[in-house]
Amino acid sequence: IRGVHRYQVHPWVHQYMNNLHADHQTVAVSFPDVNPSDLPRDSQFSMTAGDFLQ
């Protein structure tokens, strides 16, 4: 499936601890899944490659 704004993740669905309310466990999180080539040339957008290893 391709397209923008198509995906959501549920990062806390398997974690029942450290939630203020029970319904916080099933909250969906969206991320900016836009196609950079569709943005205007003068937009303030940058991408950086990296990892979390030290």
PDB file of N, CA and C in Angstrom:
ATOM      1  N   ILE A   1       0.856  -1.174   0.000  1.00  0.00           N
ATOM      2  CA  ILE A   1       0.000   0.000   0.000  1.00  0.00           C
ATOM      3  C   ILE A   1       0.896   1.228   0.000  1.00  0.00           C
ATOM      4  N   ARG A   2       0.677   2.103  -0.936  1.00  0.00           N
ATOM      5  CA  ARG A   2       1.468   3.324  -1.024  1.00  0.00           C
ATOM      6  C   ARG A   2       0.564   4.532  -0.842  1.00  0.00           C
ATOM      7  N   GLY A   3       1.164   5.602  -0.464  1.00  0.00           N
ATOM      8  CA  GLY A   3       0.437   6.840  -0.261  1.00  0.00           C
ATOM      9  C   GLY A   3       0.887   7.503   1.021  1.00  0.00           C
ATOM     10  N   VAL A   4       0.449   8.721   1.221  1.00  0.00           N
ATOM     11  CA  VAL A   4       0.829   9.457   2.421  1.00  0.00           C
ATOM     12  C   VAL A   4      -0.279   9.359   3.456  1.00  0.00           C
ATOM     13  N   HIS A   5       0.107   9.504   4.709  1.00  0.00           N
ATOM     14  CA  HIS A   5      -0.815   9.458   5.853  1.00  0.00           C
ATOM     15  C   HIS A   5      -1.637   8.165   5.875  1.00  0.00           C
ATOM     16  N   ARG A   6      -0.996   7.045   5.564  1.00  0.00           N
ATOM     17  CA  ARG A   6      -1.697   5.766   5.505  1.00  0.00           C
ATOM     18  C   ARG A   6      -1.456   4.895   6.731  1.00  0.00           C
ATOM     19  N   TYR A   7      -0.391   5.151   7.476  1.00  0.00           N
ATOM     20  CA  TYR A   7       0.005   4.235   8.532  1.00  0.00           C
ATOM     21  C   TYR A   7      -0.033   4.886   9.907  1.00  0.00           C
ATOM     22  N   GLN A   8      -0.393   4.085  10.893  1.00  0.00           N
ATOM     23  CA  GLN A   8      -0.327   4.476  12.294  1.00  0.00           C
ATOM     24  C   GLN A   8       0.324   3.326  13.049  1.00  0.00           C
ATOM     25  N   VAL A   9       1.021   3.653  14.105  1.00  0.00           N
ATOM     26  CA  VAL A   9       1.598   2.629  14.968  1.00  0.00           C
ATOM     27  C   VAL A   9       0.988   2.772  16.357  1.00  0.00           C
ATOM     28  N   HIS A  10       0.985   1.691  17.074  1.00  0.00           N
ATOM     29  CA  HIS A  10       0.469   1.646  18.445  1.00  0.00           C
ATOM     30  C   HIS A  10       1.615   1.185  19.349  1.00  0.00           C
ATOM     31  N   PRO A  11       2.526   2.087  19.699  1.00  0.00           N
ATOM     32  CA  PRO A  11       3.756   1.673  20.384  1.00  0.00           C
ATOM     33  C   PRO A  11       3.562   1.173  21.804  1.00  0.00           C
ATOM     34  N   TRP A  12       2.450   1.482  22.439  1.00  0.00           N
ATOM     35  CA  TRP A  12       2.272   1.094  23.840  1.00  0.00           C
ATOM     36  C   TRP A  12       1.251  -0.022  24.015  1.00  0.00           C
ATOM     37  N   VAL A  13       0.825  -0.666  22.939  1.00  0.00           N
ATOM     38  CA  VAL A  13      -0.248  -1.649  23.028  1.00  0.00           C
ATOM     39  C   VAL A  13       0.143  -2.862  23.877  1.00  0.00           C
ATOM     40  N   HIS A  14       1.408  -3.205  23.936  1.00  0.00           N
ATOM     41  CA  HIS A  14       1.860  -4.353  24.728  1.00  0.00           C
ATOM     42  C   HIS A  14       2.427  -3.949  26.085  1.00  0.00           C
ATOM     43  N   GLN A  15       2.376  -2.688  26.406  1.00  0.00           N
ATOM     44  CA  GLN A  15       2.921  -2.189  27.671  1.00  0.00           C
ATOM     45  C   GLN A  15       1.777  -1.675  28.536  1.00  0.00           C
ATOM     46  N   TYR A  16       1.517  -2.322  29.637  1.00  0.00           N
ATOM     47  CA  TYR A  16       0.431  -1.895  30.511  1.00  0.00           C
ATOM     48  C   TYR A  16       0.924  -1.055  31.676  1.00  0.00           C
ATOM     49  N   MET A  17       2.214  -0.968  31.860  1.00  0.00           N
ATOM     50  CA  MET A  17       2.766  -0.169  32.954  1.00  0.00           C
ATOM     51  C   MET A  17       3.104   1.233  32.454  1.00  0.00           C
ATOM     52  N   ASN A  18       3.192   2.167  33.385  1.00  0.00           N
ATOM     53  CA  ASN A  18       3.590   3.553  33.117  1.00  0.00           C
ATOM     54  C   ASN A  18       2.617   4.293  32.201  1.00  0.00           C
ATOM     55  N   ASN A  19       1.353   3.913  32.193  1.00  0.00           N
ATOM     56  CA  ASN A  19       0.310   4.658  31.495  1.00  0.00           C
ATOM     57  C   ASN A  19      -0.517   5.396  32.539  1.00  0.00           C
ATOM     58  N   LEU A  20      -0.775   6.660  32.307  1.00  0.00           N
ATOM     59  CA  LEU A  20      -1.566   7.444  33.248  1.00  0.00           C
ATOM     60  C   LEU A  20      -3.011   6.945  33.305  1.00  0.00           C
ATOM     61  N   HIS A  21      -3.571   6.629  32.138  1.00  0.00           N
ATOM     62  CA  HIS A  21      -4.930   6.093  32.047  1.00  0.00           C
ATOM     63  C   HIS A  21      -4.891   4.829  31.194  1.00  0.00           C
ATOM     64  N   ALA A  22      -5.831   3.927  31.408  1.00  0.00           N
ATOM     65  CA  ALA A  22      -5.853   2.662  30.669  1.00  0.00           C
ATOM     66  C   ALA A  22      -6.016   2.877  29.166  1.00  0.00           C
ATOM     67  N   ASP A  23      -6.771   3.899  28.768  1.00  0.00           N
ATOM     68  CA  ASP A  23      -6.969   4.126  27.335  1.00  0.00           C
ATOM     69  C   ASP A  23      -5.728   4.685  26.636  1.00  0.00           C
ATOM     70  N   HIS A  24      -4.740   5.135  27.380  1.00  0.00           N
ATOM     71  CA  HIS A  24      -3.487   5.596  26.777  1.00  0.00           C
ATOM     72  C   HIS A  24      -2.718   4.447  26.131  1.00  0.00           C
ATOM     73  N   GLN A  25      -2.976   3.232  26.564  1.00  0.00           N
ATOM     74  CA  GLN A  25      -2.254   2.069  26.055  1.00  0.00           C
ATOM     75  C   GLN A  25      -2.564   1.815  24.579  1.00  0.00           C
ATOM     76  N   THR A  26      -3.728   2.186  24.124  1.00  0.00           N
ATOM     77  CA  THR A  26      -4.127   1.909  22.743  1.00  0.00           C
ATOM     78  C   THR A  26      -4.114   3.146  21.851  1.00  0.00           C
ATOM     79  N   VAL A  27      -3.464   4.198  22.283  1.00  0.00           N
ATOM     80  CA  VAL A  27      -3.393   5.424  21.484  1.00  0.00           C
ATOM     81  C   VAL A  27      -2.529   5.183  20.247  1.00  0.00           C
ATOM     82  N   ALA A  28      -3.027   5.604  19.108  1.00  0.00           N
ATOM     83  CA  ALA A  28      -2.277   5.491  17.861  1.00  0.00           C
ATOM     84  C   ALA A  28      -1.368   6.706  17.692  1.00  0.00           C
ATOM     85  N   VAL A  29      -0.229   6.486  17.075  1.00  0.00           N
ATOM     86  CA  VAL A  29       0.722   7.555  16.803  1.00  0.00           C
ATOM     87  C   VAL A  29       0.950   7.606  15.298  1.00  0.00           C
ATOM     88  N   SER A  30       0.791   8.782  14.731  1.00  0.00           N
ATOM     89  CA  SER A  30       1.060   8.982  13.310  1.00  0.00           C
ATOM     90  C   SER A  30       2.424   9.622  13.149  1.00  0.00           C
ATOM     91  N   PHE A  31       3.003   9.463  12.019  1.00  0.00           N
ATOM     92  CA  PHE A  31       4.281  10.098  11.737  1.00  0.00           C
ATOM     93  C   PHE A  31       4.188  10.744  10.365  1.00  0.00           C
ATOM     94  N   PRO A  32       5.016  11.753  10.106  1.00  0.00           N
ATOM     95  CA  PRO A  32       4.895  12.510   8.854  1.00  0.00           C
ATOM     96  C   PRO A  32       5.412  11.712   7.666  1.00  0.00           C
ATOM     97  N   ASP A  33       4.569  10.862   7.137  1.00  0.00           N
ATOM     98  CA  ASP A  33       4.961  10.033   6.002  1.00  0.00           C
ATOM     99  C   ASP A  33       4.597  10.730   4.694  1.00  0.00           C
ATOM    100  N   VAL A  34       5.332  11.762   4.396  1.00  0.00           N
ATOM    101  CA  VAL A  34       5.093  12.521   3.174  1.00  0.00           C
ATOM    102  C   VAL A  34       6.153  12.162   2.147  1.00  0.00           C
ATOM    103  N   ASN A  35       5.838  12.395   0.918  1.00  0.00           N
ATOM    104  CA  ASN A  35       6.793  12.169  -0.157  1.00  0.00           C
ATOM    105  C   ASN A  35       7.586  13.459  -0.352  1.00  0.00           C
ATOM    106  N   PRO A  36       8.885  13.461  -0.050  1.00  0.00           N
ATOM    107  CA  PRO A  36       9.673  14.696  -0.151  1.00  0.00           C
ATOM    108  C   PRO A  36       9.684  15.296  -1.551  1.00  0.00           C
ATOM    109  N   SER A  37       9.520  14.487  -2.578  1.00  0.00           N
ATOM    110  CA  SER A  37       9.535  15.042  -3.934  1.00  0.00           C
ATOM    111  C   SER A  37       8.259  15.823  -4.248  1.00  0.00           C
ATOM    112  N   ASP A  38       7.215  15.669  -3.433  1.00  0.00           N
ATOM    113  CA  ASP A  38       5.984  16.435  -3.630  1.00  0.00           C
ATOM    114  C   ASP A  38       6.021  17.808  -2.964  1.00  0.00           C
ATOM    115  N   LEU A  39       7.031  18.073  -2.159  1.00  0.00           N
ATOM    116  CA  LEU A  39       7.137  19.358  -1.463  1.00  0.00           C
ATOM    117  C   LEU A  39       7.663  20.437  -2.407  1.00  0.00           C
ATOM    118  N   PRO A  40       7.285  21.680  -2.181  1.00  0.00           N
ATOM    119  CA  PRO A  40       7.839  22.773  -2.994  1.00  0.00           C
ATOM    120  C   PRO A  40       9.349  22.902  -2.777  1.00  0.00           C
ATOM    121  N   ARG A  41      10.044  23.408  -3.754  1.00  0.00           N
ATOM    122  CA  ARG A  41      11.506  23.531  -3.672  1.00  0.00           C
ATOM    123  C   ARG A  41      11.955  24.457  -2.547  1.00  0.00           C
ATOM    124  N   ASP A  42      11.138  25.427  -2.165  1.00  0.00           N
ATOM    125  CA  ASP A  42      11.539  26.380  -1.129  1.00  0.00           C
ATOM    126  C   ASP A  42      11.094  25.949   0.270  1.00  0.00           C
ATOM    127  N   SER A  43      10.647  24.718   0.442  1.00  0.00           N
ATOM    128  CA  SER A  43      10.208  24.259   1.765  1.00  0.00           C
ATOM    129  C   SER A  43      11.409  23.992   2.670  1.00  0.00           C
ATOM    130  N   GLN A  44      11.200  24.107   3.953  1.00  0.00           N
ATOM    131  CA  GLN A  44      12.239  23.885   4.957  1.00  0.00           C
ATOM    132  C   GLN A  44      12.177  22.426   5.411  1.00  0.00           C
ATOM    133  N   PHE A  45      12.747  21.527   4.639  1.00  0.00           N
ATOM    134  CA  PHE A  45      12.685  20.095   4.915  1.00  0.00           C
ATOM    135  C   PHE A  45      14.077  19.516   4.756  1.00  0.00           C
ATOM    136  N   SER A  46      14.472  18.686   5.701  1.00  0.00           N
ATOM    137  CA  SER A  46      15.774  18.027   5.580  1.00  0.00           C
ATOM    138  C   SER A  46      15.670  16.609   6.117  1.00  0.00           C
ATOM    139  N   MET A  47      16.534  15.746   5.621  1.00  0.00           N
ATOM    140  CA  MET A  47      16.591  14.359   6.083  1.00  0.00           C
ATOM    141  C   MET A  47      18.038  14.047   6.436  1.00  0.00           C
ATOM    142  N   THR A  48      18.213  13.282   7.502  1.00  0.00           N
ATOM    143  CA  THR A  48      19.545  12.905   7.951  1.00  0.00           C
ATOM    144  C   THR A  48      19.559  11.424   8.271  1.00  0.00           C
ATOM    145  N   ALA A  49      20.537  10.731   7.760  1.00  0.00           N
ATOM    146  CA  ALA A  49      20.683   9.309   8.069  1.00  0.00           C
ATOM    147  C   ALA A  49      21.431   9.159   9.385  1.00  0.00           C
ATOM    148  N   GLY A  50      21.117   8.128  10.128  1.00  0.00           N
ATOM    149  CA  GLY A  50      21.803   7.898  11.392  1.00  0.00           C
ATOM    150  C   GLY A  50      21.311   6.630  12.046  1.00  0.00           C
ATOM    151  N   ASP A  51      21.878   6.336  13.201  1.00  0.00           N
ATOM    152  CA  ASP A  51      21.435   5.181  13.972  1.00  0.00           C
ATOM    153  C   ASP A  51      21.547   5.507  15.454  1.00  0.00           C
ATOM    154  N   PHE A  52      21.118   4.592  16.282  1.00  0.00           N
ATOM    155  CA  PHE A  52      21.117   4.813  17.720  1.00  0.00           C
ATOM    156  C   PHE A  52      22.223   4.036  18.420  1.00  0.00           C
ATOM    157  N   LEU A  53      23.165   3.518  17.672  1.00  0.00           N
ATOM    158  CA  LEU A  53      24.268   2.762  18.263  1.00  0.00           C
ATOM    159  C   LEU A  53      25.353   3.705  18.743  1.00  0.00           C
ATOM    160  N   GLN A  54      26.019   3.309  19.810  1.00  0.00           N
ATOM    161  CA  GLN A  54      27.117   4.144  20.314  1.00  0.00           C
ATOM    162  C   GLN A  54      28.419   3.402  20.210  1.00  0.00           C
TER     163      GLN A  54
END
